[in-house]
């Protein structure tokens, strides 16, 4: 079984997808972690992202050293055999991941890695093009969304983020920029996948959103 959950940042797709996978007793594929991993590695040699225009398939060999594994069913990302999952939650990686994910070379390099996970496990995949590009024939497709203010507030209040210097207004501004970039990029833009069920959870909490999705999977 493949279930996809797409949507903009702050729509709650990560937390909902993770809990949905747990309740269905299947695996959770977080595509965003992989793009953050690429950003994490790339920023080491290009901290201001001045050289992303030089990216091509010949200088992306480092992606072969990125692995997506499960430890007690929890997704973990390794680089050169080192677990870097904890390093990928820093808010500064959000913009880097968004910029790098717009590049076709990077998206193509990660495509096989993501699809190979689904060959081994039943999964809930969340991201921005899971239902449109990675798994267009998924069994169930959902698109989560919420108002800009609600999404910005969720990100600001996310205790898992490590950047304590952010303000709500700053988060909102960055989110607007990120939304525009994700929606207008030439390769795999953020869209509502064909046949996806759209869920606006602006007024729903995580449990209410989860129950709605479970009911649609069970009775659809």
N, C-alpha and C. Protein backbone atom coordinates (compact mmCIF):
# COMPACT_ATOMS: atom_id res chain seq x y z
N UNK A 1 0.84 -1.20 0.00
CA UNK A 1 0.00 0.00 0.00
C UNK A 1 0.87 1.25 0.00
N UNK A 2 0.48 2.22 -0.79
CA UNK A 2 1.17 3.51 -0.81
C UNK A 2 0.13 4.61 -0.59
N UNK A 3 0.36 5.42 0.44
CA UNK A 3 -0.49 6.57 0.74
C UNK A 3 0.38 7.81 0.64
N UNK A 4 -0.06 8.81 -0.10
CA UNK A 4 0.73 10.04 -0.22
C UNK A 4 0.00 11.20 0.44
N UNK A 5 0.78 12.03 1.10
CA UNK A 5 0.26 13.25 1.72
C UNK A 5 1.13 14.41 1.27
N UNK A 6 0.59 15.25 0.42
CA UNK A 6 1.31 16.43 -0.07
C UNK A 6 0.72 17.68 0.57
N UNK A 7 1.46 18.78 0.43
CA UNK A 7 0.96 20.04 0.95
C UNK A 7 2.09 20.99 1.26
N UNK A 8 1.76 22.25 1.50
CA UNK A 8 2.78 23.26 1.80
C UNK A 8 3.35 23.09 3.21
N UNK A 9 4.43 23.79 3.49
CA UNK A 9 5.05 23.75 4.81
C UNK A 9 4.06 24.24 5.86
N UNK A 10 4.05 23.56 7.00
CA UNK A 10 3.17 23.97 8.09
C UNK A 10 1.76 23.44 8.00
N UNK A 11 1.49 22.62 7.00
CA UNK A 11 0.13 22.07 6.86
C UNK A 11 -0.09 20.88 7.79
N UNK A 12 0.97 20.45 8.46
CA UNK A 12 0.84 19.34 9.40
C UNK A 12 1.06 17.98 8.79
N UNK A 13 1.52 17.97 7.54
CA UNK A 13 1.62 16.69 6.84
C UNK A 13 2.64 15.73 7.47
N UNK A 14 3.73 16.26 8.00
CA UNK A 14 4.76 15.39 8.59
C UNK A 14 4.24 14.66 9.82
N UNK A 15 3.66 15.41 10.75
CA UNK A 15 3.17 14.80 11.99
C UNK A 15 1.99 13.89 11.72
N UNK A 16 1.12 14.29 10.80
CA UNK A 16 -0.04 13.45 10.46
C UNK A 16 0.41 12.18 9.75
N UNK A 17 1.34 12.31 8.81
CA UNK A 17 1.82 11.14 8.07
C UNK A 17 2.49 10.14 9.00
N UNK A 18 3.29 10.65 9.91
CA UNK A 18 3.99 9.77 10.84
C UNK A 18 3.01 9.00 11.73
N UNK A 19 2.02 9.71 12.25
CA UNK A 19 1.04 9.06 13.13
C UNK A 19 0.12 8.13 12.33
N UNK A 20 -0.21 8.52 11.10
CA UNK A 20 -1.04 7.67 10.26
C UNK A 20 -0.34 6.35 9.98
N UNK A 21 0.94 6.42 9.66
CA UNK A 21 1.71 5.20 9.41
C UNK A 21 1.73 4.30 10.65
N UNK A 22 1.87 4.93 11.80
CA UNK A 22 1.92 4.14 13.04
C UNK A 22 0.59 3.44 13.30
N UNK A 23 -0.51 4.13 13.08
CA UNK A 23 -1.81 3.52 13.36
C UNK A 23 -2.18 2.45 12.34
N UNK A 24 -1.65 2.58 11.14
CA UNK A 24 -1.89 1.57 10.11
C UNK A 24 -0.84 0.46 10.15
N UNK A 25 0.15 0.64 11.04
CA UNK A 25 1.25 -0.31 11.19
C UNK A 25 2.03 -0.49 9.90
N UNK A 26 2.30 0.65 9.23
CA UNK A 26 3.14 0.64 8.04
C UNK A 26 4.26 1.67 8.24
N UNK A 27 5.03 1.94 7.20
CA UNK A 27 6.23 2.77 7.35
C UNK A 27 5.99 4.20 6.84
N UNK A 28 6.76 5.11 7.40
CA UNK A 28 6.64 6.54 7.11
C UNK A 28 7.85 7.01 6.30
N UNK A 29 7.58 7.54 5.10
CA UNK A 29 8.65 8.05 4.24
C UNK A 29 8.59 9.57 4.21
N UNK A 30 9.57 10.21 4.82
CA UNK A 30 9.64 11.67 4.90
C UNK A 30 10.60 12.16 3.82
N UNK A 31 10.06 12.57 2.67
CA UNK A 31 10.92 13.01 1.56
C UNK A 31 11.65 14.30 1.90
N UNK A 32 11.04 15.13 2.74
CA UNK A 32 11.68 16.39 3.11
C UNK A 32 13.01 16.18 3.82
N UNK A 33 13.11 15.10 4.59
CA UNK A 33 14.37 14.82 5.27
C UNK A 33 15.50 14.60 4.27
N UNK A 34 15.17 13.99 3.15
CA UNK A 34 16.20 13.72 2.15
C UNK A 34 16.71 15.01 1.51
N UNK A 35 15.81 15.94 1.23
CA UNK A 35 16.24 17.22 0.66
C UNK A 35 17.02 18.04 1.69
N UNK A 36 16.62 17.92 2.94
CA UNK A 36 17.37 18.58 4.00
C UNK A 36 18.76 17.97 4.12
N UNK A 37 18.85 16.66 3.92
CA UNK A 37 20.15 16.00 3.98
C UNK A 37 21.07 16.51 2.87
N UNK A 38 20.50 16.68 1.68
CA UNK A 38 21.29 17.23 0.57
C UNK A 38 21.76 18.64 0.93
N UNK A 39 20.84 19.44 1.49
CA UNK A 39 21.20 20.80 1.90
C UNK A 39 22.27 20.80 2.98
N UNK A 40 22.14 19.89 3.91
CA UNK A 40 23.11 19.78 5.02
C UNK A 40 24.52 19.54 4.48
N UNK A 41 24.63 18.64 3.53
CA UNK A 41 25.94 18.31 2.97
C UNK A 41 26.45 19.44 2.08
N UNK A 42 25.57 19.98 1.24
CA UNK A 42 26.00 21.02 0.30
C UNK A 42 26.45 22.29 1.02
N UNK A 43 25.76 22.65 2.09
CA UNK A 43 26.09 23.87 2.82
C UNK A 43 27.48 23.83 3.46
N UNK A 44 28.01 22.67 3.65
CA UNK A 44 29.34 22.56 4.24
C UNK A 44 30.41 23.18 3.33
N UNK A 45 30.21 23.05 2.02
CA UNK A 45 31.18 23.61 1.08
C UNK A 45 30.69 24.91 0.43
N UNK A 46 29.40 25.19 0.58
CA UNK A 46 28.83 26.39 -0.04
C UNK A 46 27.80 26.99 0.93
N UNK A 47 28.26 27.54 2.07
CA UNK A 47 27.36 27.98 3.14
C UNK A 47 26.38 29.08 2.75
N UNK A 48 26.68 29.85 1.73
CA UNK A 48 25.78 30.93 1.31
C UNK A 48 25.05 30.59 0.02
N UNK A 49 25.17 29.35 -0.41
CA UNK A 49 24.48 28.86 -1.61
C UNK A 49 24.76 29.72 -2.84
N UNK A 50 26.01 30.15 -2.96
CA UNK A 50 26.38 30.98 -4.11
C UNK A 50 26.69 30.15 -5.35
N UNK A 51 26.89 28.85 -5.16
CA UNK A 51 27.33 28.01 -6.28
C UNK A 51 26.30 26.97 -6.71
N UNK A 52 25.04 27.16 -6.32
CA UNK A 52 24.06 26.13 -6.68
C UNK A 52 23.82 26.09 -8.19
N UNK A 53 24.14 27.19 -8.89
CA UNK A 53 23.99 27.19 -10.34
C UNK A 53 25.02 26.29 -11.01
N UNK A 54 26.01 25.85 -10.24
CA UNK A 54 27.05 24.96 -10.78
C UNK A 54 26.71 23.49 -10.57
N UNK A 55 25.59 23.23 -9.91
CA UNK A 55 25.22 21.85 -9.62
C UNK A 55 24.89 21.10 -10.90
N UNK A 56 25.45 19.93 -11.03
CA UNK A 56 25.13 19.03 -12.14
C UNK A 56 25.31 17.61 -11.64
N UNK A 57 24.96 16.65 -12.47
CA UNK A 57 25.01 15.26 -12.02
C UNK A 57 26.42 14.80 -11.66
N UNK A 58 27.41 15.50 -12.17
CA UNK A 58 28.80 15.11 -11.89
C UNK A 58 29.28 15.51 -10.50
N UNK A 59 28.66 16.54 -9.90
CA UNK A 59 29.09 16.91 -8.56
C UNK A 59 28.04 16.58 -7.50
N UNK A 60 27.18 15.63 -7.85
CA UNK A 60 26.18 15.16 -6.89
C UNK A 60 26.44 13.73 -6.46
N UNK A 61 27.66 13.28 -6.66
CA UNK A 61 28.00 11.91 -6.28
C UNK A 61 27.84 11.66 -4.78
N UNK A 62 27.89 12.75 -4.00
CA UNK A 62 27.76 12.59 -2.55
C UNK A 62 26.40 12.04 -2.15
N UNK A 63 25.39 12.21 -3.04
CA UNK A 63 24.04 11.73 -2.72
C UNK A 63 24.04 10.20 -2.59
N UNK A 64 24.97 9.54 -3.26
CA UNK A 64 25.06 8.09 -3.15
C UNK A 64 25.39 7.65 -1.73
N UNK A 65 25.94 8.58 -0.95
CA UNK A 65 26.31 8.26 0.43
C UNK A 65 25.21 8.61 1.42
N UNK A 66 24.06 9.07 0.90
CA UNK A 66 22.90 9.35 1.76
C UNK A 66 22.02 8.11 1.78
N UNK A 67 21.69 7.65 2.97
CA UNK A 67 20.86 6.46 3.12
C UNK A 67 19.64 6.76 3.99
N UNK A 68 18.53 6.19 3.61
CA UNK A 68 17.28 6.33 4.37
C UNK A 68 16.98 4.97 4.99
N UNK A 69 17.05 4.91 6.31
CA UNK A 69 16.87 3.65 7.01
C UNK A 69 15.77 3.77 8.06
N UNK A 70 15.35 2.62 8.56
CA UNK A 70 14.38 2.61 9.65
C UNK A 70 15.01 1.98 10.89
N UNK A 71 14.86 2.67 12.01
CA UNK A 71 15.30 2.15 13.30
C UNK A 71 14.05 2.06 14.16
N UNK A 72 13.60 0.85 14.44
CA UNK A 72 12.33 0.64 15.14
C UNK A 72 11.20 1.37 14.42
N UNK A 73 11.21 1.28 13.10
CA UNK A 73 10.21 1.89 12.22
C UNK A 73 10.30 3.41 12.14
N UNK A 74 11.24 4.01 12.83
CA UNK A 74 11.43 5.46 12.76
C UNK A 74 12.43 5.80 11.66
N UNK A 75 12.07 6.72 10.74
CA UNK A 75 12.98 7.07 9.65
C UNK A 75 14.23 7.78 10.16
N UNK A 76 15.36 7.34 9.66
CA UNK A 76 16.64 7.94 10.02
C UNK A 76 17.45 8.14 8.74
N UNK A 77 18.15 9.27 8.67
CA UNK A 77 18.97 9.56 7.50
C UNK A 77 20.44 9.49 7.89
N UNK A 78 21.19 8.75 7.10
CA UNK A 78 22.62 8.58 7.34
C UNK A 78 23.42 9.18 6.19
N UNK A 79 24.54 9.78 6.52
CA UNK A 79 25.47 10.25 5.50
C UNK A 79 26.85 9.71 5.84
N UNK A 80 27.41 8.98 4.90
CA UNK A 80 28.70 8.31 5.11
C UNK A 80 28.67 7.51 6.41
N UNK A 81 27.56 6.78 6.57
CA UNK A 81 27.35 5.86 7.70
C UNK A 81 27.16 6.56 9.05
N UNK A 82 26.99 7.88 9.04
CA UNK A 82 26.75 8.62 10.28
C UNK A 82 25.30 9.10 10.29
N UNK A 83 24.62 8.88 11.40
CA UNK A 83 23.23 9.31 11.54
C UNK A 83 23.19 10.83 11.71
N UNK A 84 22.60 11.53 10.72
CA UNK A 84 22.55 12.99 10.75
C UNK A 84 21.12 13.50 10.96
N UNK A 85 20.20 12.61 11.29
CA UNK A 85 18.79 12.98 11.40
C UNK A 85 18.59 14.18 12.33
N UNK A 86 19.26 14.17 13.47
CA UNK A 86 19.10 15.25 14.44
C UNK A 86 19.58 16.60 13.93
N UNK A 87 20.48 16.58 12.96
CA UNK A 87 21.02 17.83 12.41
C UNK A 87 20.10 18.45 11.37
N UNK A 88 19.09 17.71 10.95
CA UNK A 88 18.27 18.15 9.83
C UNK A 88 17.04 18.96 10.23
N UNK A 89 16.85 19.18 11.53
CA UNK A 89 15.66 19.90 12.00
C UNK A 89 15.88 21.39 12.16
N UNK A 90 17.10 21.86 11.93
CA UNK A 90 17.40 23.28 12.06
C UNK A 90 16.63 24.07 11.01
N UNK A 91 15.99 25.16 11.44
CA UNK A 91 15.16 25.95 10.53
C UNK A 91 15.95 26.52 9.35
N UNK A 92 17.25 26.74 9.53
CA UNK A 92 18.07 27.31 8.46
C UNK A 92 18.14 26.39 7.25
N UNK A 93 17.88 25.11 7.45
CA UNK A 93 17.92 24.16 6.34
C UNK A 93 16.65 24.21 5.49
N UNK A 94 15.59 24.83 6.00
CA UNK A 94 14.33 24.87 5.26
C UNK A 94 14.49 25.59 3.92
N UNK A 95 15.09 26.79 3.96
CA UNK A 95 15.27 27.55 2.74
C UNK A 95 16.25 26.87 1.79
N UNK A 96 17.30 26.31 2.35
CA UNK A 96 18.29 25.60 1.52
C UNK A 96 17.64 24.41 0.83
N UNK A 97 16.84 23.66 1.58
CA UNK A 97 16.18 22.49 1.01
C UNK A 97 15.20 22.90 -0.09
N UNK A 98 14.49 24.01 0.13
CA UNK A 98 13.54 24.49 -0.87
C UNK A 98 14.25 24.91 -2.15
N UNK A 99 15.38 25.62 -2.01
CA UNK A 99 16.14 26.05 -3.18
C UNK A 99 16.72 24.86 -3.94
N UNK A 100 17.31 23.93 -3.21
CA UNK A 100 17.95 22.78 -3.85
C UNK A 100 16.93 21.82 -4.45
N UNK A 101 15.76 21.72 -3.83
CA UNK A 101 14.75 20.79 -4.33
C UNK A 101 14.15 21.25 -5.66
N UNK A 102 14.39 22.51 -6.02
CA UNK A 102 13.89 23.02 -7.30
C UNK A 102 14.76 22.59 -8.47
N UNK A 103 15.92 22.01 -8.17
CA UNK A 103 16.85 21.63 -9.23
C UNK A 103 16.55 20.22 -9.73
N UNK A 104 16.33 20.07 -11.04
CA UNK A 104 15.97 18.75 -11.59
C UNK A 104 17.02 17.68 -11.34
N UNK A 105 18.29 18.08 -11.31
CA UNK A 105 19.35 17.10 -11.09
C UNK A 105 19.23 16.44 -9.71
N UNK A 106 18.88 17.25 -8.72
CA UNK A 106 18.75 16.72 -7.37
C UNK A 106 17.49 15.89 -7.23
N UNK A 107 16.40 16.35 -7.80
CA UNK A 107 15.14 15.60 -7.71
C UNK A 107 15.29 14.23 -8.37
N UNK A 108 15.97 14.21 -9.52
CA UNK A 108 16.16 12.95 -10.22
C UNK A 108 17.07 12.01 -9.42
N UNK A 109 18.09 12.59 -8.81
CA UNK A 109 19.04 11.78 -8.04
C UNK A 109 18.37 11.11 -6.85
N UNK A 110 17.35 11.75 -6.28
CA UNK A 110 16.67 11.20 -5.11
C UNK A 110 15.46 10.33 -5.46
N UNK A 111 15.02 10.40 -6.71
CA UNK A 111 13.79 9.71 -7.09
C UNK A 111 13.88 8.20 -6.89
N UNK A 112 14.93 7.59 -7.39
CA UNK A 112 15.08 6.14 -7.25
C UNK A 112 15.19 5.73 -5.79
N UNK A 113 15.90 6.54 -5.01
CA UNK A 113 16.06 6.23 -3.59
C UNK A 113 14.69 6.14 -2.91
N UNK A 114 13.82 7.10 -3.22
CA UNK A 114 12.50 7.14 -2.61
C UNK A 114 11.62 5.98 -3.08
N UNK A 115 11.66 5.70 -4.36
CA UNK A 115 10.84 4.61 -4.90
C UNK A 115 11.30 3.25 -4.41
N UNK A 116 12.59 3.12 -4.17
CA UNK A 116 13.11 1.85 -3.67
C UNK A 116 12.59 1.54 -2.27
N UNK A 117 12.34 2.58 -1.48
CA UNK A 117 11.78 2.36 -0.14
C UNK A 117 10.40 1.71 -0.27
N UNK A 118 9.61 2.20 -1.22
CA UNK A 118 8.24 1.68 -1.41
C UNK A 118 8.23 0.26 -1.97
N UNK A 119 9.32 -0.16 -2.57
CA UNK A 119 9.40 -1.53 -3.06
C UNK A 119 9.57 -2.53 -1.92
N UNK A 120 10.07 -2.03 -0.80
CA UNK A 120 10.34 -2.90 0.35
C UNK A 120 9.23 -2.86 1.40
N UNK A 121 8.52 -1.71 1.47
CA UNK A 121 7.57 -1.52 2.57
C UNK A 121 6.26 -0.91 2.08
N UNK A 122 5.18 -1.16 2.84
CA UNK A 122 3.97 -0.36 2.70
C UNK A 122 4.27 0.97 3.37
N UNK A 123 3.94 2.08 2.72
CA UNK A 123 4.38 3.37 3.24
C UNK A 123 3.30 4.45 3.21
N UNK A 124 3.51 5.43 4.08
CA UNK A 124 2.86 6.73 3.98
C UNK A 124 3.96 7.70 3.60
N UNK A 125 3.85 8.31 2.43
CA UNK A 125 4.88 9.22 1.94
C UNK A 125 4.36 10.65 2.01
N UNK A 126 5.15 11.53 2.60
CA UNK A 126 4.74 12.94 2.65
C UNK A 126 5.81 13.84 2.07
N UNK A 127 5.35 14.90 1.41
CA UNK A 127 6.27 15.84 0.80
C UNK A 127 5.51 16.86 -0.02
N UNK A 128 6.06 17.22 -1.18
CA UNK A 128 5.42 18.21 -2.04
C UNK A 128 5.10 17.67 -3.43
N UNK A 129 5.62 16.49 -3.76
CA UNK A 129 5.29 15.91 -5.06
C UNK A 129 5.13 14.40 -4.98
N UNK A 130 4.76 13.92 -3.80
CA UNK A 130 4.63 12.47 -3.60
C UNK A 130 3.54 11.88 -4.50
N UNK A 131 2.38 12.54 -4.52
CA UNK A 131 1.27 12.01 -5.30
C UNK A 131 1.29 12.42 -6.75
N UNK A 132 2.06 13.46 -7.08
CA UNK A 132 2.08 13.95 -8.45
C UNK A 132 3.23 13.38 -9.27
N UNK A 133 4.38 13.13 -8.62
CA UNK A 133 5.57 12.69 -9.35
C UNK A 133 6.13 11.36 -8.86
N UNK A 134 6.38 11.27 -7.56
CA UNK A 134 7.07 10.08 -7.04
C UNK A 134 6.18 8.85 -7.12
N UNK A 135 4.94 8.98 -6.63
CA UNK A 135 4.01 7.85 -6.63
C UNK A 135 2.67 8.26 -7.24
N UNK A 136 2.64 8.51 -8.55
CA UNK A 136 1.39 8.97 -9.17
C UNK A 136 0.27 7.93 -9.14
N UNK A 137 0.62 6.67 -8.90
CA UNK A 137 -0.39 5.61 -8.85
C UNK A 137 -0.64 5.12 -7.43
N UNK A 138 -0.44 5.99 -6.47
CA UNK A 138 -0.63 5.63 -5.06
C UNK A 138 -2.07 5.17 -4.81
N UNK A 139 -2.23 4.34 -3.80
CA UNK A 139 -3.57 3.83 -3.46
C UNK A 139 -4.47 4.93 -2.92
N UNK A 140 -3.90 5.83 -2.13
CA UNK A 140 -4.64 6.97 -1.59
C UNK A 140 -3.77 8.21 -1.68
N UNK A 141 -4.38 9.32 -2.09
CA UNK A 141 -3.66 10.58 -2.18
C UNK A 141 -4.41 11.65 -1.39
N UNK A 142 -3.67 12.36 -0.55
CA UNK A 142 -4.24 13.46 0.22
C UNK A 142 -3.40 14.72 0.01
N UNK A 143 -4.07 15.86 0.06
CA UNK A 143 -3.38 17.15 -0.01
C UNK A 143 -3.85 17.97 1.19
N UNK A 144 -2.94 18.18 2.14
CA UNK A 144 -3.26 18.96 3.33
C UNK A 144 -2.88 20.42 3.12
N UNK A 145 -3.71 21.31 3.62
CA UNK A 145 -3.40 22.73 3.52
C UNK A 145 -4.03 23.47 4.70
N UNK A 146 -3.65 24.72 4.87
CA UNK A 146 -4.19 25.59 5.91
C UNK A 146 -3.83 27.02 5.53
N UNK A 147 -4.41 27.99 6.23
CA UNK A 147 -4.12 29.38 5.92
C UNK A 147 -2.65 29.68 6.23
N UNK A 148 -2.13 30.74 5.61
CA UNK A 148 -0.74 31.13 5.82
C UNK A 148 -0.46 31.41 7.30
N UNK A 149 -1.36 32.12 7.95
CA UNK A 149 -1.15 32.47 9.36
C UNK A 149 -1.10 31.22 10.24
N UNK A 150 -2.02 30.31 10.01
CA UNK A 150 -2.07 29.08 10.81
C UNK A 150 -0.80 28.26 10.60
N UNK A 151 -0.35 28.16 9.37
CA UNK A 151 0.85 27.38 9.09
C UNK A 151 2.09 28.02 9.70
N UNK A 152 2.18 29.35 9.61
CA UNK A 152 3.33 30.06 10.20
C UNK A 152 3.34 29.88 11.72
N UNK A 153 2.18 29.95 12.32
CA UNK A 153 2.09 29.80 13.78
C UNK A 153 2.50 28.40 14.21
N UNK A 154 2.13 27.40 13.43
CA UNK A 154 2.51 26.02 13.76
C UNK A 154 4.02 25.85 13.72
N UNK A 155 4.64 26.40 12.68
CA UNK A 155 6.09 26.28 12.55
C UNK A 155 6.79 27.01 13.69
N UNK A 156 6.28 28.19 14.01
CA UNK A 156 6.88 29.00 15.08
C UNK A 156 6.83 28.27 16.42
N UNK A 157 5.74 27.57 16.64
CA UNK A 157 5.54 26.89 17.92
C UNK A 157 6.15 25.49 17.97
N UNK A 158 6.69 25.06 16.86
CA UNK A 158 7.24 23.71 16.79
C UNK A 158 8.47 23.61 17.70
N UNK A 159 8.34 22.88 18.75
CA UNK A 159 9.42 22.77 19.73
C UNK A 159 10.61 21.97 19.22
N UNK A 160 10.42 21.28 18.10
CA UNK A 160 11.52 20.49 17.57
C UNK A 160 12.53 21.35 16.80
N UNK A 161 12.13 22.58 16.46
CA UNK A 161 13.04 23.47 15.76
C UNK A 161 14.12 23.96 16.73
N UNK A 162 15.30 24.19 16.21
CA UNK A 162 16.42 24.56 17.07
C UNK A 162 16.76 26.04 17.02
N UNK A 163 16.08 26.79 16.17
CA UNK A 163 16.39 28.21 16.03
C UNK A 163 15.48 29.03 16.93
N UNK A 164 16.00 29.51 18.05
CA UNK A 164 15.19 30.24 19.02
C UNK A 164 15.12 31.74 18.75
N UNK A 165 15.77 32.19 17.69
CA UNK A 165 15.81 33.62 17.40
C UNK A 165 14.70 34.06 16.44
N UNK A 166 13.94 33.12 15.94
CA UNK A 166 12.89 33.45 14.99
C UNK A 166 11.71 34.14 15.66
N UNK A 167 11.04 35.00 14.90
CA UNK A 167 9.79 35.61 15.34
C UNK A 167 8.68 35.08 14.44
N UNK A 168 7.45 35.20 14.89
CA UNK A 168 6.31 34.73 14.10
C UNK A 168 6.25 35.46 12.76
N UNK A 169 6.49 36.76 12.78
CA UNK A 169 6.45 37.54 11.54
C UNK A 169 7.53 37.10 10.56
N UNK A 170 8.71 36.80 11.10
CA UNK A 170 9.80 36.33 10.25
C UNK A 170 9.46 34.99 9.63
N UNK A 171 8.88 34.10 10.41
CA UNK A 171 8.47 32.79 9.90
C UNK A 171 7.43 32.96 8.79
N UNK A 172 6.50 33.87 9.00
CA UNK A 172 5.45 34.11 8.00
C UNK A 172 6.05 34.62 6.70
N UNK A 173 7.01 35.55 6.80
CA UNK A 173 7.66 36.10 5.61
C UNK A 173 8.41 35.01 4.84
N UNK A 174 9.15 34.19 5.58
CA UNK A 174 9.92 33.12 4.94
C UNK A 174 8.98 32.09 4.30
N UNK A 175 7.85 31.87 4.95
CA UNK A 175 6.89 30.89 4.44
C UNK A 175 6.27 31.37 3.12
N UNK A 176 5.99 32.66 3.03
CA UNK A 176 5.45 33.22 1.79
C UNK A 176 6.43 33.03 0.63
N UNK A 177 7.70 33.30 0.91
CA UNK A 177 8.73 33.13 -0.11
C UNK A 177 8.84 31.66 -0.52
N UNK A 178 8.82 30.80 0.47
CA UNK A 178 8.95 29.37 0.20
C UNK A 178 7.75 28.84 -0.58
N UNK A 179 6.55 29.28 -0.22
CA UNK A 179 5.34 28.86 -0.93
C UNK A 179 5.43 29.22 -2.41
N UNK A 180 5.83 30.47 -2.67
CA UNK A 180 5.92 30.94 -4.05
C UNK A 180 6.94 30.13 -4.83
N UNK A 181 8.09 29.87 -4.20
CA UNK A 181 9.13 29.11 -4.88
C UNK A 181 8.67 27.68 -5.16
N UNK A 182 8.04 27.06 -4.18
CA UNK A 182 7.59 25.68 -4.35
C UNK A 182 6.51 25.56 -5.42
N UNK A 183 5.64 26.56 -5.50
CA UNK A 183 4.51 26.50 -6.42
C UNK A 183 4.89 26.88 -7.86
N UNK A 184 5.98 27.62 -8.02
CA UNK A 184 6.32 28.12 -9.36
C UNK A 184 7.58 27.49 -9.95
N UNK A 185 8.22 26.59 -9.21
CA UNK A 185 9.43 25.97 -9.77
C UNK A 185 9.06 25.16 -11.00
N UNK A 186 9.99 25.07 -11.93
CA UNK A 186 9.73 24.40 -13.20
C UNK A 186 9.62 22.89 -13.06
N UNK A 187 10.37 22.34 -12.13
CA UNK A 187 10.39 20.89 -11.96
C UNK A 187 9.59 20.50 -10.72
N UNK A 188 8.61 19.62 -10.91
CA UNK A 188 7.80 19.10 -9.80
C UNK A 188 7.30 20.19 -8.86
N UNK A 189 6.55 21.17 -9.37
CA UNK A 189 6.03 22.22 -8.48
C UNK A 189 5.00 21.65 -7.51
N UNK A 190 4.77 22.38 -6.44
CA UNK A 190 3.76 21.98 -5.47
C UNK A 190 2.38 22.18 -6.09
N UNK A 191 1.68 21.09 -6.36
CA UNK A 191 0.34 21.14 -6.92
C UNK A 191 -0.54 20.13 -6.19
N UNK A 192 -1.82 20.24 -6.43
CA UNK A 192 -2.74 19.23 -5.91
C UNK A 192 -2.72 18.06 -6.90
N UNK A 193 -2.26 16.89 -6.49
CA UNK A 193 -2.17 15.76 -7.41
C UNK A 193 -3.54 15.34 -7.94
N UNK A 194 -3.55 14.77 -9.11
CA UNK A 194 -4.79 14.26 -9.67
C UNK A 194 -5.41 13.23 -8.73
N UNK A 195 -6.70 13.35 -8.53
CA UNK A 195 -7.49 12.43 -7.70
C UNK A 195 -7.15 12.53 -6.21
N UNK A 196 -6.41 13.55 -5.82
CA UNK A 196 -6.11 13.71 -4.39
C UNK A 196 -7.30 14.31 -3.66
N UNK A 197 -7.48 13.92 -2.42
CA UNK A 197 -8.52 14.47 -1.56
C UNK A 197 -7.92 15.66 -0.81
N UNK A 198 -8.50 16.84 -0.99
CA UNK A 198 -7.98 18.05 -0.35
C UNK A 198 -8.59 18.21 1.04
N UNK A 199 -7.73 18.41 2.02
CA UNK A 199 -8.17 18.59 3.41
C UNK A 199 -7.60 19.90 3.94
N UNK A 200 -8.46 20.88 4.18
CA UNK A 200 -8.04 22.14 4.80
C UNK A 200 -8.19 21.96 6.31
N UNK A 201 -7.07 21.89 7.00
CA UNK A 201 -7.12 21.63 8.45
C UNK A 201 -6.81 22.87 9.28
N UNK A 202 -7.14 24.04 8.72
CA UNK A 202 -6.91 25.30 9.45
C UNK A 202 -7.58 25.28 10.82
N UNK A 203 -8.76 24.68 10.89
CA UNK A 203 -9.51 24.65 12.14
C UNK A 203 -9.51 23.27 12.79
N UNK A 204 -8.64 22.39 12.29
CA UNK A 204 -8.57 21.03 12.84
C UNK A 204 -7.24 20.82 13.54
N UNK A 205 -7.25 20.10 14.64
CA UNK A 205 -5.99 19.73 15.26
C UNK A 205 -5.48 18.44 14.63
N UNK A 206 -4.34 17.98 15.08
CA UNK A 206 -3.74 16.80 14.46
C UNK A 206 -4.63 15.57 14.58
N UNK A 207 -5.22 15.36 15.74
CA UNK A 207 -6.05 14.17 15.94
C UNK A 207 -7.29 14.22 15.06
N UNK A 208 -7.89 15.39 14.92
CA UNK A 208 -9.07 15.52 14.07
C UNK A 208 -8.72 15.28 12.60
N UNK A 209 -7.57 15.80 12.19
CA UNK A 209 -7.12 15.57 10.81
C UNK A 209 -6.86 14.10 10.58
N UNK A 210 -6.22 13.48 11.53
CA UNK A 210 -5.89 12.06 11.43
C UNK A 210 -7.14 11.20 11.34
N UNK A 211 -8.11 11.47 12.17
CA UNK A 211 -9.36 10.69 12.15
C UNK A 211 -10.08 10.84 10.82
N UNK A 212 -10.02 12.04 10.25
CA UNK A 212 -10.66 12.26 8.95
C UNK A 212 -9.99 11.41 7.87
N UNK A 213 -8.67 11.41 7.85
CA UNK A 213 -7.95 10.62 6.85
C UNK A 213 -8.20 9.13 7.04
N UNK A 214 -8.19 8.68 8.27
CA UNK A 214 -8.43 7.26 8.55
C UNK A 214 -9.82 6.84 8.08
N UNK A 215 -10.79 7.71 8.28
CA UNK A 215 -12.15 7.37 7.86
C UNK A 215 -12.25 7.28 6.34
N UNK A 216 -11.51 8.13 5.65
CA UNK A 216 -11.53 8.11 4.19
C UNK A 216 -10.81 6.88 3.64
N UNK A 217 -9.77 6.46 4.32
CA UNK A 217 -9.05 5.26 3.90
C UNK A 217 -9.89 4.02 4.17
N UNK A 218 -10.55 4.03 5.28
CA UNK A 218 -11.31 2.86 5.69
C UNK A 218 -12.58 2.67 4.87
N UNK A 219 -13.25 3.79 4.55
CA UNK A 219 -14.57 3.66 3.93
C UNK A 219 -14.63 4.11 2.48
N UNK A 220 -13.52 4.65 1.95
CA UNK A 220 -13.55 5.14 0.57
C UNK A 220 -13.63 3.98 -0.42
